[in-house]
PDB file of N, CA and C in Angstrom:
ATOM      1  N   MET A   1      27.234 -77.991 -44.061  1.00  0.00           N
ATOM      2  CA  MET A   1      28.470 -77.276 -43.716  1.00  0.00           C
ATOM      3  C   MET A   1      28.607 -77.234 -42.033  1.00  0.00           C
ATOM      4  N   ILE A   2      29.865 -77.378 -41.766  1.00  0.00           N
ATOM      5  CA  ILE A   2      30.235 -77.572 -40.263  1.00  0.00           C
ATOM      6  C   ILE A   2      30.767 -76.134 -39.980  1.00  0.00           C
ATOM      7  N   LYS A   3      30.193 -75.348 -38.964  1.00  0.00           N
ATOM      8  CA  LYS A   3      30.704 -74.308 -38.180  1.00  0.00           C
ATOM      9  C   LYS A   3      31.617 -74.426 -37.140  1.00  0.00           C
ATOM     10  N   LYS A   4      32.510 -73.528 -37.407  1.00  0.00           N
ATOM     11  CA  LYS A   4      33.864 -73.524 -36.304  1.00  0.00           C
ATOM     12  C   LYS A   4      33.094 -72.990 -35.111  1.00  0.00           C
ATOM     13  N   LYS A   5      33.680 -73.595 -33.986  1.00  0.00           N
ATOM     14  CA  LYS A   5      33.139 -73.301 -32.503  1.00  0.00           C
ATOM     15  C   LYS A   5      34.237 -72.005 -32.057  1.00  0.00           C
ATOM     16  N   ILE A   6      33.380 -70.909 -31.328  1.00  0.00           N
ATOM     17  CA  ILE A   6      33.981 -69.992 -30.930  1.00  0.00           C
ATOM     18  C   ILE A   6      34.230 -70.310 -29.271  1.00  0.00           C
ATOM     19  N   ARG A   7      35.299 -69.960 -28.965  1.00  0.00           N
ATOM     20  CA  ARG A   7      35.619 -70.339 -27.655  1.00  0.00           C
ATOM     21  C   ARG A   7      36.393 -68.825 -27.212  1.00  0.00           C
ATOM     22  N   GLY A   8      36.159 -68.881 -25.622  1.00  0.00           N
ATOM     23  CA  GLY A   8      36.779 -67.553 -25.036  1.00  0.00           C
ATOM     24  C   GLY A   8      37.462 -68.003 -23.814  1.00  0.00           C
ATOM     25  N   THR A   9      38.574 -67.373 -23.361  1.00  0.00           N
ATOM     26  CA  THR A   9      39.655 -67.815 -22.602  1.00  0.00           C
ATOM     27  C   THR A   9      39.403 -66.619 -21.302  1.00  0.00           C
ATOM     28  N   GLU A  10      40.535 -66.780 -20.448  1.00  0.00           N
ATOM     29  CA  GLU A  10      40.489 -65.827 -19.311  1.00  0.00           C
ATOM     30  C   GLU A  10      40.937 -64.598 -19.852  1.00  0.00           C
ATOM     31  N   ASP A  11      42.127 -64.645 -20.867  1.00  0.00           N
ATOM     32  CA  ASP A  11      42.563 -63.364 -21.476  1.00  0.00           C
ATOM     33  C   ASP A  11      41.624 -62.763 -22.319  1.00  0.00           C
ATOM     34  N   TYR A  12      40.701 -63.607 -23.080  1.00  0.00           N
ATOM     35  CA  TYR A  12      40.033 -63.189 -24.217  1.00  0.00           C
ATOM     36  C   TYR A  12      38.647 -63.880 -24.283  1.00  0.00           C
ATOM     37  N   PRO A  13      37.950 -63.072 -23.254  1.00  0.00           N
ATOM     38  CA  PRO A  13      36.594 -63.859 -23.230  1.00  0.00           C
ATOM     39  C   PRO A  13      35.493 -63.774 -24.150  1.00  0.00           C
ATOM     40  N   ARG A  14      34.523 -64.325 -24.314  1.00  0.00           N
ATOM     41  CA  ARG A  14      33.820 -64.659 -25.694  1.00  0.00           C
ATOM     42  C   ARG A  14      32.698 -63.320 -25.095  1.00  0.00           C
ATOM     43  N   LEU A  15      32.290 -62.573 -26.300  1.00  0.00           N
ATOM     44  CA  LEU A  15      31.098 -61.464 -26.009  1.00  0.00           C
ATOM     45  C   LEU A  15      29.929 -62.293 -26.737  1.00  0.00           C
ATOM     46  N   TYR A  16      29.115 -62.882 -26.140  1.00  0.00           N
ATOM     47  CA  TYR A  16      28.019 -63.661 -26.768  1.00  0.00           C
ATOM     48  C   TYR A  16      26.811 -62.892 -26.810  1.00  0.00           C
ATOM     49  N   ILE A  17      26.116 -62.603 -27.997  1.00  0.00           N
ATOM     50  CA  ILE A  17      24.991 -62.017 -27.943  1.00  0.00           C
ATOM     51  C   ILE A  17      23.757 -62.842 -28.364  1.00  0.00           C
ATOM     52  N   PHE A  18      22.401 -62.772 -27.722  1.00  0.00           N
ATOM     53  CA  PHE A  18      21.437 -63.347 -27.716  1.00  0.00           C
ATOM     54  C   PHE A  18      20.186 -62.477 -27.982  1.00  0.00           C
ATOM     55  N   LYS A  19      19.337 -62.659 -29.086  1.00  0.00           N
ATOM     56  CA  LYS A  19      18.250 -61.869 -29.371  1.00  0.00           C
ATOM     57  C   LYS A  19      17.108 -62.959 -28.995  1.00  0.00           C
ATOM     58  N   SER A  20      15.961 -62.443 -28.566  1.00  0.00           N
ATOM     59  CA  SER A  20      15.049 -63.089 -28.180  1.00  0.00           C
ATOM     60  C   SER A  20      13.570 -62.069 -29.162  1.00  0.00           C
ATOM     61  N   ASN A  21      12.455 -62.555 -28.799  1.00  0.00           N
ATOM     62  CA  ASN A  21      11.560 -61.699 -29.526  1.00  0.00           C
ATOM     63  C   ASN A  21      11.389 -59.991 -29.201  1.00  0.00           C
ATOM     64  N   LYS A  22      11.403 -60.337 -27.880  1.00  0.00           N
ATOM     65  CA  LYS A  22      11.596 -58.827 -27.014  1.00  0.00           C
ATOM     66  C   LYS A  22      12.706 -58.154 -26.541  1.00  0.00           C
ATOM     67  N   HIS A  23      13.698 -59.071 -26.264  1.00  0.00           N
ATOM     68  CA  HIS A  23      14.647 -58.528 -25.569  1.00  0.00           C
ATOM     69  C   HIS A  23      16.095 -59.015 -26.175  1.00  0.00           C
ATOM     70  N   LEU A  24      17.232 -58.227 -25.872  1.00  0.00           N
ATOM     71  CA  LEU A  24      18.600 -58.453 -26.475  1.00  0.00           C
ATOM     72  C   LEU A  24      19.520 -58.733 -25.117  1.00  0.00           C
ATOM     73  N   TYR A  25      20.125 -59.705 -25.127  1.00  0.00           N
ATOM     74  CA  TYR A  25      21.073 -59.909 -24.241  1.00  0.00           C
ATOM     75  C   TYR A  25      22.766 -59.902 -24.525  1.00  0.00           C
ATOM     76  N   ALA A  26      23.675 -59.522 -23.603  1.00  0.00           N
ATOM     77  CA  ALA A  26      24.901 -59.531 -23.976  1.00  0.00           C
ATOM     78  C   ALA A  26      25.613 -60.297 -22.877  1.00  0.00           C
ATOM     79  N   GLN A  27      26.723 -61.351 -22.877  1.00  0.00           N
ATOM     80  CA  GLN A  27      27.319 -61.816 -21.864  1.00  0.00           C
ATOM     81  C   GLN A  27      28.961 -62.016 -22.259  1.00  0.00           C
ATOM     82  N   LEU A  28      29.591 -61.793 -21.266  1.00  0.00           N
ATOM     83  CA  LEU A  28      31.041 -62.184 -21.340  1.00  0.00           C
ATOM     84  C   LEU A  28      31.122 -63.377 -20.804  1.00  0.00           C
ATOM     85  N   ILE A  29      31.634 -64.489 -21.514  1.00  0.00           N
ATOM     86  CA  ILE A  29      31.872 -65.897 -20.915  1.00  0.00           C
ATOM     87  C   ILE A  29      33.306 -66.121 -21.261  1.00  0.00           C
ATOM     88  N   ASP A  30      33.642 -66.778 -20.275  1.00  0.00           N
ATOM     89  CA  ASP A  30      34.927 -67.625 -20.112  1.00  0.00           C
ATOM     90  C   ASP A  30      34.959 -68.891 -20.194  1.00  0.00           C
ATOM     91  N   ASP A  31      34.945 -69.649 -21.450  1.00  0.00           N
ATOM     92  CA  ASP A  31      34.720 -71.050 -21.682  1.00  0.00           C
ATOM     93  C   ASP A  31      35.567 -71.824 -21.120  1.00  0.00           C
ATOM     94  N   TYR A  32      36.677 -71.451 -20.623  1.00  0.00           N
ATOM     95  CA  TYR A  32      37.890 -72.372 -20.210  1.00  0.00           C
ATOM     96  C   TYR A  32      37.435 -72.713 -18.767  1.00  0.00           C
ATOM     97  N   ASN A  33      37.132 -71.662 -17.894  1.00  0.00           N
ATOM     98  CA  ASN A  33      36.455 -71.948 -16.716  1.00  0.00           C
ATOM     99  C   ASN A  33      35.126 -72.201 -16.293  1.00  0.00           C
ATOM    100  N   LYS A  34      34.562 -72.090 -17.518  1.00  0.00           N
ATOM    101  CA  LYS A  34      32.954 -72.089 -17.539  1.00  0.00           C
ATOM    102  C   LYS A  34      32.302 -71.110 -16.622  1.00  0.00           C
ATOM    103  N   HIS A  35      32.755 -69.820 -16.960  1.00  0.00           N
ATOM    104  CA  HIS A  35      32.175 -68.860 -15.792  1.00  0.00           C
ATOM    105  C   HIS A  35      31.885 -67.429 -16.694  1.00  0.00           C
ATOM    106  N   ILE A  36      30.775 -67.152 -16.315  1.00  0.00           N
ATOM    107  CA  ILE A  36      30.111 -65.534 -16.983  1.00  0.00           C
ATOM    108  C   ILE A  36      30.836 -64.561 -16.286  1.00  0.00           C
ATOM    109  N   ILE A  37      31.400 -63.782 -16.800  1.00  0.00           N
ATOM    110  CA  ILE A  37      32.052 -62.641 -16.393  1.00  0.00           C
ATOM    111  C   ILE A  37      31.136 -61.393 -16.034  1.00  0.00           C
ATOM    112  N   ALA A  38      30.405 -61.121 -16.912  1.00  0.00           N
ATOM    113  CA  ALA A  38      29.598 -59.845 -16.946  1.00  0.00           C
ATOM    114  C   ALA A  38      28.321 -60.056 -17.750  1.00  0.00           C
ATOM    115  N   THR A  39      27.564 -59.448 -17.465  1.00  0.00           N
ATOM    116  CA  THR A  39      26.290 -59.481 -18.371  1.00  0.00           C
ATOM    117  C   THR A  39      25.369 -58.290 -18.318  1.00  0.00           C
ATOM    118  N   SER A  40      24.737 -58.103 -19.459  1.00  0.00           N
ATOM    119  CA  SER A  40      24.075 -56.820 -19.613  1.00  0.00           C
ATOM    120  C   SER A  40      22.691 -56.936 -20.453  1.00  0.00           C
ATOM    121  N   SER A  41      21.618 -56.567 -20.262  1.00  0.00           N
ATOM    122  CA  SER A  41      20.363 -56.920 -21.283  1.00  0.00           C
ATOM    123  C   SER A  41      19.451 -55.611 -21.040  1.00  0.00           C
ATOM    124  N   THR A  42      18.308 -55.736 -21.876  1.00  0.00           N
ATOM    125  CA  THR A  42      17.133 -54.980 -21.767  1.00  0.00           C
ATOM    126  C   THR A  42      16.565 -55.077 -20.559  1.00  0.00           C
ATOM    127  N   ILE A  43      16.535 -56.096 -19.850  1.00  0.00           N
ATOM    128  CA  ILE A  43      16.083 -55.975 -18.605  1.00  0.00           C
ATOM    129  C   ILE A  43      16.772 -55.979 -17.333  1.00  0.00           C
ATOM    130  N   SER A  44      18.099 -55.601 -17.696  1.00  0.00           N
ATOM    131  CA  SER A  44      18.840 -55.288 -16.392  1.00  0.00           C
ATOM    132  C   SER A  44      18.469 -53.872 -15.805  1.00  0.00           C
ATOM    133  N   PRO A  45      18.606 -53.702 -14.434  1.00  0.00           N
ATOM    134  CA  PRO A  45      18.296 -52.344 -14.092  1.00  0.00           C
ATOM    135  C   PRO A  45      19.034 -51.286 -14.370  1.00  0.00           C
ATOM    136  N   GLU A  46      20.271 -51.386 -14.811  1.00  0.00           N
ATOM    137  CA  GLU A  46      21.138 -50.344 -15.158  1.00  0.00           C
ATOM    138  C   GLU A  46      20.683 -49.585 -16.547  1.00  0.00           C
ATOM    139  N   ILE A  47      20.011 -50.735 -17.255  1.00  0.00           N
ATOM    140  CA  ILE A  47      19.617 -49.993 -18.587  1.00  0.00           C
ATOM    141  C   ILE A  47      18.099 -49.597 -18.605  1.00  0.00           C
ATOM    142  N   THR A  48      16.985 -50.136 -17.952  1.00  0.00           N
ATOM    143  CA  THR A  48      15.963 -49.968 -17.980  1.00  0.00           C
ATOM    144  C   THR A  48      15.471 -48.631 -17.384  1.00  0.00           C
ATOM    145  N   ASN A  49      15.932 -48.250 -15.857  1.00  0.00           N
ATOM    146  CA  ASN A  49      15.579 -47.230 -15.101  1.00  0.00           C
ATOM    147  C   ASN A  49      14.148 -47.093 -15.031  1.00  0.00           C
ATOM    148  N   ASN A  50      13.230 -48.130 -14.530  1.00  0.00           N
ATOM    149  CA  ASN A  50      12.241 -48.239 -14.303  1.00  0.00           C
ATOM    150  C   ASN A  50      11.231 -48.039 -15.465  1.00  0.00           C
ATOM    151  N   GLN A  51      11.763 -48.109 -16.448  1.00  0.00           N
ATOM    152  CA  GLN A  51      11.020 -48.223 -17.884  1.00  0.00           C
ATOM    153  C   GLN A  51      10.985 -49.542 -18.706  1.00  0.00           C
ATOM    154  N   THR A  52      10.147 -49.898 -19.444  1.00  0.00           N
ATOM    155  CA  THR A  52       9.986 -51.057 -20.101  1.00  0.00           C
ATOM    156  C   THR A  52      10.534 -50.789 -21.472  1.00  0.00           C
ATOM    157  N   LEU A  53      11.980 -51.348 -21.740  1.00  0.00           N
ATOM    158  CA  LEU A  53      12.444 -50.839 -22.954  1.00  0.00           C
ATOM    159  C   LEU A  53      12.690 -52.719 -23.652  1.00  0.00           C
ATOM    160  N   PHE A  54      12.388 -52.453 -25.003  1.00  0.00           N
ATOM    161  CA  PHE A  54      12.513 -53.679 -25.895  1.00  0.00           C
ATOM    162  C   PHE A  54      13.838 -53.596 -26.813  1.00  0.00           C
ATOM    163  N   ARG A  55      13.986 -54.434 -27.322  1.00  0.00           N
ATOM    164  CA  ARG A  55      15.214 -54.555 -28.465  1.00  0.00           C
ATOM    165  C   ARG A  55      15.026 -53.437 -29.671  1.00  0.00           C
ATOM    166  N   THR A  56      15.813 -52.491 -29.406  1.00  0.00           N
ATOM    167  CA  THR A  56      16.116 -51.552 -30.810  1.00  0.00           C
ATOM    168  C   THR A  56      17.469 -51.306 -31.169  1.00  0.00           C
ATOM    169  N   CYS A  57      17.831 -50.563 -31.818  1.00  0.00           N
ATOM    170  CA  CYS A  57      19.289 -50.174 -32.247  1.00  0.00           C
ATOM    171  C   CYS A  57      19.757 -49.212 -30.947  1.00  0.00           C
ATOM    172  N   LYS A  58      18.875 -48.464 -30.577  1.00  0.00           N
ATOM    173  CA  LYS A  58      19.377 -47.429 -29.545  1.00  0.00           C
ATOM    174  C   LYS A  58      19.398 -48.168 -28.068  1.00  0.00           C
ATOM    175  N   THR A  59      18.819 -49.284 -27.596  1.00  0.00           N
ATOM    176  CA  THR A  59      18.945 -50.139 -26.789  1.00  0.00           C
ATOM    177  C   THR A  59      20.201 -50.878 -26.697  1.00  0.00           C
ATOM    178  N   ALA A  60      20.344 -51.236 -28.258  1.00  0.00           N
ATOM    179  CA  ALA A  60      21.696 -52.191 -28.381  1.00  0.00           C
ATOM    180  C   ALA A  60      23.033 -51.458 -27.884  1.00  0.00           C
ATOM    181  N   GLN A  61      22.903 -49.964 -28.280  1.00  0.00           N
ATOM    182  CA  GLN A  61      24.107 -49.048 -28.098  1.00  0.00           C
ATOM    183  C   GLN A  61      24.012 -48.905 -26.670  1.00  0.00           C
ATOM    184  N   LEU A  62      23.100 -48.905 -25.878  1.00  0.00           N
ATOM    185  CA  LEU A  62      23.108 -48.923 -24.469  1.00  0.00           C
ATOM    186  C   LEU A  62      23.890 -49.926 -23.915  1.00  0.00           C
ATOM    187  N   ILE A  63      23.378 -51.076 -24.411  1.00  0.00           N
ATOM    188  CA  ILE A  63      23.657 -52.646 -23.845  1.00  0.00           C
ATOM    189  C   ILE A  63      25.320 -52.832 -23.843  1.00  0.00           C
ATOM    190  N   GLY A  64      25.673 -52.170 -25.054  1.00  0.00           N
ATOM    191  CA  GLY A  64      27.229 -52.458 -25.484  1.00  0.00           C
ATOM    192  C   GLY A  64      27.820 -51.354 -24.820  1.00  0.00           C
ATOM    193  N   LYS A  65      27.493 -50.216 -24.512  1.00  0.00           N
ATOM    194  CA  LYS A  65      28.495 -49.423 -23.879  1.00  0.00           C
ATOM    195  C   LYS A  65      28.465 -50.049 -22.357  1.00  0.00           C
ATOM    196  N   ASN A  66      27.371 -50.431 -21.999  1.00  0.00           N
ATOM    197  CA  ASN A  66      27.370 -50.917 -20.346  1.00  0.00           C
ATOM    198  C   ASN A  66      28.162 -52.498 -20.407  1.00  0.00           C
ATOM    199  N   ILE A  67      28.060 -53.138 -21.239  1.00  0.00           N
ATOM    200  CA  ILE A  67      29.176 -54.285 -21.123  1.00  0.00           C
ATOM    201  C   ILE A  67      30.448 -54.018 -21.402  1.00  0.00           C
ATOM    202  N   ALA A  68      30.722 -52.911 -22.110  1.00  0.00           N
ATOM    203  CA  ALA A  68      32.234 -52.601 -22.276  1.00  0.00           C
ATOM    204  C   ALA A  68      32.659 -51.792 -21.066  1.00  0.00           C
ATOM    205  N   ILE A  69      31.927 -51.116 -20.330  1.00  0.00           N
ATOM    206  CA  ILE A  69      32.377 -50.414 -19.181  1.00  0.00           C
ATOM    207  C   ILE A  69      32.328 -51.527 -17.814  1.00  0.00           C
ATOM    208  N   LYS A  70      31.602 -52.526 -17.843  1.00  0.00           N
ATOM    209  CA  LYS A  70      31.750 -53.660 -17.007  1.00  0.00           C
ATOM    210  C   LYS A  70      33.006 -54.439 -17.270  1.00  0.00           C
ATOM    211  N   SER A  71      33.472 -54.640 -18.571  1.00  0.00           N
ATOM    212  CA  SER A  71      34.525 -55.610 -18.776  1.00  0.00           C
ATOM    213  C   SER A  71      35.867 -54.660 -18.494  1.00  0.00           C
ATOM    214  N   LYS A  72      35.814 -53.344 -18.728  1.00  0.00           N
ATOM    215  CA  LYS A  72      37.022 -52.422 -18.394  1.00  0.00           C
ATOM    216  C   LYS A  72      37.293 -52.322 -17.033  1.00  0.00           C
ATOM    217  N   ALA A  73      36.437 -52.307 -16.389  1.00  0.00           N
ATOM    218  CA  ALA A  73      36.290 -52.461 -14.759  1.00  0.00           C
ATOM    219  C   ALA A  73      36.911 -53.837 -14.164  1.00  0.00           C
ATOM    220  N   LYS A  74      36.829 -55.006 -15.163  1.00  0.00           N
ATOM    221  CA  LYS A  74      37.273 -56.286 -14.841  1.00  0.00           C
ATOM    222  C   LYS A  74      38.672 -56.261 -15.210  1.00  0.00           C
ATOM    223  N   GLY A  75      39.389 -55.249 -16.063  1.00  0.00           N
ATOM    224  CA  GLY A  75      40.607 -55.465 -16.607  1.00  0.00           C
ATOM    225  C   GLY A  75      40.548 -56.295 -17.881  1.00  0.00           C
ATOM    226  N   ILE A  76      39.687 -56.180 -18.837  1.00  0.00           N
ATOM    227  CA  ILE A  76      39.422 -56.946 -19.951  1.00  0.00           C
ATOM    228  C   ILE A  76      39.462 -55.860 -21.033  1.00  0.00           C
ATOM    229  N   GLN A  77      40.483 -56.093 -22.178  1.00  0.00           N
ATOM    230  CA  GLN A  77      40.586 -55.070 -23.128  1.00  0.00           C
ATOM    231  C   GLN A  77      40.232 -55.952 -24.493  1.00  0.00           C
ATOM    232  N   LYS A  78      40.282 -57.027 -24.635  1.00  0.00           N
ATOM    233  CA  LYS A  78      39.824 -57.693 -25.786  1.00  0.00           C
ATOM    234  C   LYS A  78      39.041 -58.712 -25.730  1.00  0.00           C
ATOM    235  N   VAL A  79      38.044 -58.810 -26.772  1.00  0.00           N
ATOM    236  CA  VAL A  79      37.217 -59.988 -26.456  1.00  0.00           C
ATOM    237  C   VAL A  79      37.081 -60.780 -27.760  1.00  0.00           C
ATOM    238  N   VAL A  80      36.336 -61.870 -27.918  1.00  0.00           N
ATOM    239  CA  VAL A  80      36.034 -62.610 -29.048  1.00  0.00           C
ATOM    240  C   VAL A  80      34.573 -62.442 -29.264  1.00  0.00           C
ATOM    241  N   PHE A  81      34.311 -61.800 -30.153  1.00  0.00           N
ATOM    242  CA  PHE A  81      32.658 -61.466 -30.632  1.00  0.00           C
ATOM    243  C   PHE A  81      32.084 -62.889 -31.253  1.00  0.00           C
ATOM    244  N   ASP A  82      30.992 -63.217 -30.628  1.00  0.00           N
ATOM    245  CA  ASP A  82      30.180 -64.366 -30.899  1.00  0.00           C
ATOM    246  C   ASP A  82      28.529 -63.946 -31.197  1.00  0.00           C
ATOM    247  N   ARG A  83      28.191 -63.871 -32.157  1.00  0.00           N
ATOM    248  CA  ARG A  83      26.864 -63.125 -32.447  1.00  0.00           C
ATOM    249  C   ARG A  83      26.029 -64.385 -32.886  1.00  0.00           C
ATOM    250  N   GLY A  84      26.453 -65.578 -32.644  1.00  0.00           N
ATOM    251  CA  GLY A  84      25.496 -66.599 -32.734  1.00  0.00           C
ATOM    252  C   GLY A  84      24.951 -66.830 -34.079  1.00  0.00           C
ATOM    253  N   ASN A  85      23.637 -67.019 -34.301  1.00  0.00           N
ATOM    254  CA  ASN A  85      23.175 -67.284 -35.827  1.00  0.00           C
ATOM    255  C   ASN A  85      22.795 -65.900 -36.228  1.00  0.00           C
ATOM    256  N   ASN A  86      23.102 -64.964 -35.556  1.00  0.00           N
ATOM    257  CA  ASN A  86      22.231 -63.596 -35.981  1.00  0.00           C
ATOM    258  C   ASN A  86      23.294 -63.044 -36.991  1.00  0.00           C
ATOM    259  N   LEU A  87      22.753 -62.131 -37.962  1.00  0.00           N
ATOM    260  CA  LEU A  87      23.635 -61.500 -39.007  1.00  0.00           C
ATOM    261  C   LEU A  87      24.062 -60.290 -38.458  1.00  0.00           C
ATOM    262  N   TYR A  88      25.147 -59.898 -39.023  1.00  0.00           N
ATOM    263  CA  TYR A  88      25.965 -58.972 -38.429  1.00  0.00           C
ATOM    264  C   TYR A  88      25.323 -57.548 -39.065  1.00  0.00           C
ATOM    265  N   HIS A  89      24.220 -57.041 -38.526  1.00  0.00           N
ATOM    266  CA  HIS A  89      23.544 -55.858 -39.218  1.00  0.00           C
ATOM    267  C   HIS A  89      22.360 -55.383 -38.192  1.00  0.00           C
ATOM    268  N   GLY A  90      22.032 -54.444 -38.131  1.00  0.00           N
ATOM    269  CA  GLY A  90      21.121 -53.555 -37.419  1.00  0.00           C
ATOM    270  C   GLY A  90      21.536 -53.715 -35.884  1.00  0.00           C
ATOM    271  N   GLN A  91      20.829 -54.388 -34.920  1.00  0.00           N
ATOM    272  CA  GLN A  91      21.112 -54.306 -33.517  1.00  0.00           C
ATOM    273  C   GLN A  91      22.542 -54.999 -33.179  1.00  0.00           C
ATOM    274  N   ILE A  92      22.832 -56.094 -33.850  1.00  0.00           N
ATOM    275  CA  ILE A  92      24.098 -56.448 -33.383  1.00  0.00           C
ATOM    276  C   ILE A  92      25.079 -55.777 -33.905  1.00  0.00           C
ATOM    277  N   LYS A  93      25.006 -55.179 -34.823  1.00  0.00           N
ATOM    278  CA  LYS A  93      26.215 -54.042 -35.408  1.00  0.00           C
ATOM    279  C   LYS A  93      26.398 -52.943 -34.321  1.00  0.00           C
ATOM    280  N   ALA A  94      25.037 -52.400 -34.110  1.00  0.00           N
ATOM    281  CA  ALA A  94      24.830 -51.127 -33.350  1.00  0.00           C
ATOM    282  C   ALA A  94      25.649 -51.513 -31.897  1.00  0.00           C
ATOM    283  N   LEU A  95      25.545 -52.914 -31.371  1.00  0.00           N
ATOM    284  CA  LEU A  95      26.019 -53.310 -29.938  1.00  0.00           C
ATOM    285  C   LEU A  95      27.643 -53.328 -30.405  1.00  0.00           C
ATOM    286  N   ALA A  96      27.928 -53.898 -31.147  1.00  0.00           N
ATOM    287  CA  ALA A  96      29.411 -53.907 -31.543  1.00  0.00           C
ATOM    288  C   ALA A  96      30.220 -52.877 -31.825  1.00  0.00           C
ATOM    289  N   ASP A  97      29.693 -51.883 -32.233  1.00  0.00           N
ATOM    290  CA  ASP A  97      29.992 -50.522 -32.842  1.00  0.00           C
ATOM    291  C   ASP A  97      30.138 -49.746 -31.297  1.00  0.00           C
ATOM    292  N   ALA A  98      29.167 -49.822 -30.326  1.00  0.00           N
ATOM    293  CA  ALA A  98      29.341 -49.310 -29.110  1.00  0.00           C
ATOM    294  C   ALA A  98      30.236 -49.858 -28.158  1.00  0.00           C
ATOM    295  N   VAL A  99      30.608 -51.223 -28.491  1.00  0.00           N
ATOM    296  CA  VAL A  99      31.632 -51.884 -27.337  1.00  0.00           C
ATOM    297  C   VAL A  99      32.946 -51.274 -28.056  1.00  0.00           C
ATOM    298  N   ARG A 100      33.145 -51.098 -29.366  1.00  0.00           N
ATOM    299  CA  ARG A 100      34.204 -50.507 -29.954  1.00  0.00           C
ATOM    300  C   ARG A 100      34.635 -49.091 -29.574  1.00  0.00           C
ATOM    301  N   GLU A 101      33.566 -48.270 -29.320  1.00  0.00           N
ATOM    302  CA  GLU A 101      33.673 -46.877 -29.077  1.00  0.00           C
ATOM    303  C   GLU A 101      34.226 -46.713 -27.772  1.00  0.00           C
ATOM    304  N   GLU A 102      33.877 -47.863 -26.859  1.00  0.00           N
ATOM    305  CA  GLU A 102      34.333 -47.666 -25.367  1.00  0.00           C
ATOM    306  C   GLU A 102      35.759 -48.173 -25.368  1.00  0.00           C
ATOM    307  N   GLY A 103      36.469 -48.709 -26.206  1.00  0.00           N
ATOM    308  CA  GLY A 103      37.723 -48.864 -26.345  1.00  0.00           C
ATOM    309  C   GLY A 103      37.962 -50.638 -26.169  1.00  0.00           C
ATOM    310  N   ILE A 104      37.142 -51.400 -26.327  1.00  0.00           N
ATOM    311  CA  ILE A 104      37.317 -52.686 -26.225  1.00  0.00           C
ATOM    312  C   ILE A 104      37.418 -53.244 -27.825  1.00  0.00           C
ATOM    313  N   TYR A 105      38.267 -54.092 -28.013  1.00  0.00           N
ATOM    314  CA  TYR A 105      38.785 -54.580 -29.201  1.00  0.00           C
ATOM    315  C   TYR A 105      38.047 -55.978 -29.316  1.00  0.00           C
ATOM    316  N   LEU A 106      37.210 -55.824 -30.529  1.00  0.00           N
ATOM    317  CA  LEU A 106      36.649 -57.116 -31.054  1.00  0.00           C
ATOM    318  C   LEU A 106      37.538 -57.942 -31.848  1.00  0.00           C
TER     319      LEU A 106
END
């Protein structure tokens, strides 16, 4: 089975989600110019506040809210959602819902 490749442009960047064993990462990527516009993760200083946080649904909501605020500051209102090989369930769903609540269209 061949999977369709998801691409982001300047107008509609790609919101890519990566889950490691301990952490969760979200990046806004412009594939046309090969440029990362914004990033947020469980290890970024805006999220951790001098605490060690691992990936949970609560931290996924914080990351989603943070990446949405950064994208609105750059003037981006719509993104293409790329969840990688992850199921749309749990932490991925919590992050996507938090982005939608901030006014970004997926």
